[in-house]
Amino acid sequence: MTYRDVFRRDIRSVYRSRTGTAVAAIIALTTVVAVGLFTLASNVALLGAVGALLTVGALVALVFIGDPKQIAGVVVAFTALAIATALLLREPTAGYDPRPPMQVGVLAVGTALSFVVPLVALLGSYAAVVGERETGSVRFLLGLPNSRDDAYLGKFLARAAVVCVPLVAALALTGVVVQLTFQDGSMLGMLGLALVTVPYALLFVGIGLTASAYADSSNRAVAVVITVFAALRAGWPALQWLGLQGMREDYVYPKPEWFFWVGRVNPINAYVKLTTLFAEFEYGHPLLTNPDETISTVATTYPFAAAVLLAWTVVAPVFGLLYFRSRDLL
């Protein structure tokens, strides 16, 4: 059995368990429907009403289906609905273009994905190996004439497809919404955002798969992935802040150079930095601390962010593979 056979077997398993449905639903709601609603942001009451109806409708539709083609149909339908709603309900004003700028779309989608992609990638991968152990099917997986490398690669590709295929499709549809309903909307900008989001997703698929190979139970795997996500999202910034407190009791300004080196090695910050490539951010992204003009550091540049993200993306699954080779799973 080659890695292709493991891939096909695992894809079927993921969609039978409805994990694939949940991942696609979350991504669709975070991108396509959400960005369509941003075109109505000038009217808060209207935004809330339409947003509630679209969200509930999409959830109801996606809860009762499991087939990828049906999921795609629902997402396309709600994309069209988001565009139509934005165009029909927008209130025209003489001499004023009510459409939001491209920056709003990139900020909304990029920020949302920085939170959501790790969660759905971990959700889609944490049970890949440990689930086989709990059901006993791991003996079948490893008992067939295939290497552990083939088994791991097939698992990784299957879980990556579960996350990345709906992610790219949703961002392409989001690009249609942005192109039609934003002032300087660019579909190419959204496709560029997809280009930097895919390795970000693969990174957390790799972390989830590593946790699945390490854990003895699904509960342990969940605990590991939650810990990793919390450490990157909250623990890392906390360490930066504690480091500043150790320097002086009062607020440190400007931030020292080491502060940016420590912060920008975090893959979440690296990803957020790369999202700003696709729109003008005069004052920088609100999730990132920018250095004072007197401080010049490589850590805040785009090449450094790209190198950090790619390094994490490669190291995470490779580390899991090395562990998987020697792990006693039977």
Foldseek 3Di string as FASTA:
>chain_A
DFLQVLLVVVLVVCLVVLLLLVLLLVLLLQFQLVLLLVQVVVDVVVSVVVNVVLNVVSCVQSVPDRDPVSSVVSSVVSNVVSLVCSVPPDDDDPPDDSFAAQVVNLLRNLVSCLPSLLVSLLSLAQQLQLVCLVVVVVCVVVVDPDALVRNLSSSLVNSLCSNLVSNLVSLLSSLVSQVNGHDNRHSVLSNQLSVLVSLVNLLSNLQSNLLNLPDNHSVSSVVSSVVVVCCLPPVQVVVLVVVQCVVDVDDDPPDDPVSLVSNLLRLSNLSSLSSCVRDDDPPDRPVDDDGDPVDDDPSSDNVNSVVSSVVSSVVSNVVSSVSNNPDDSD
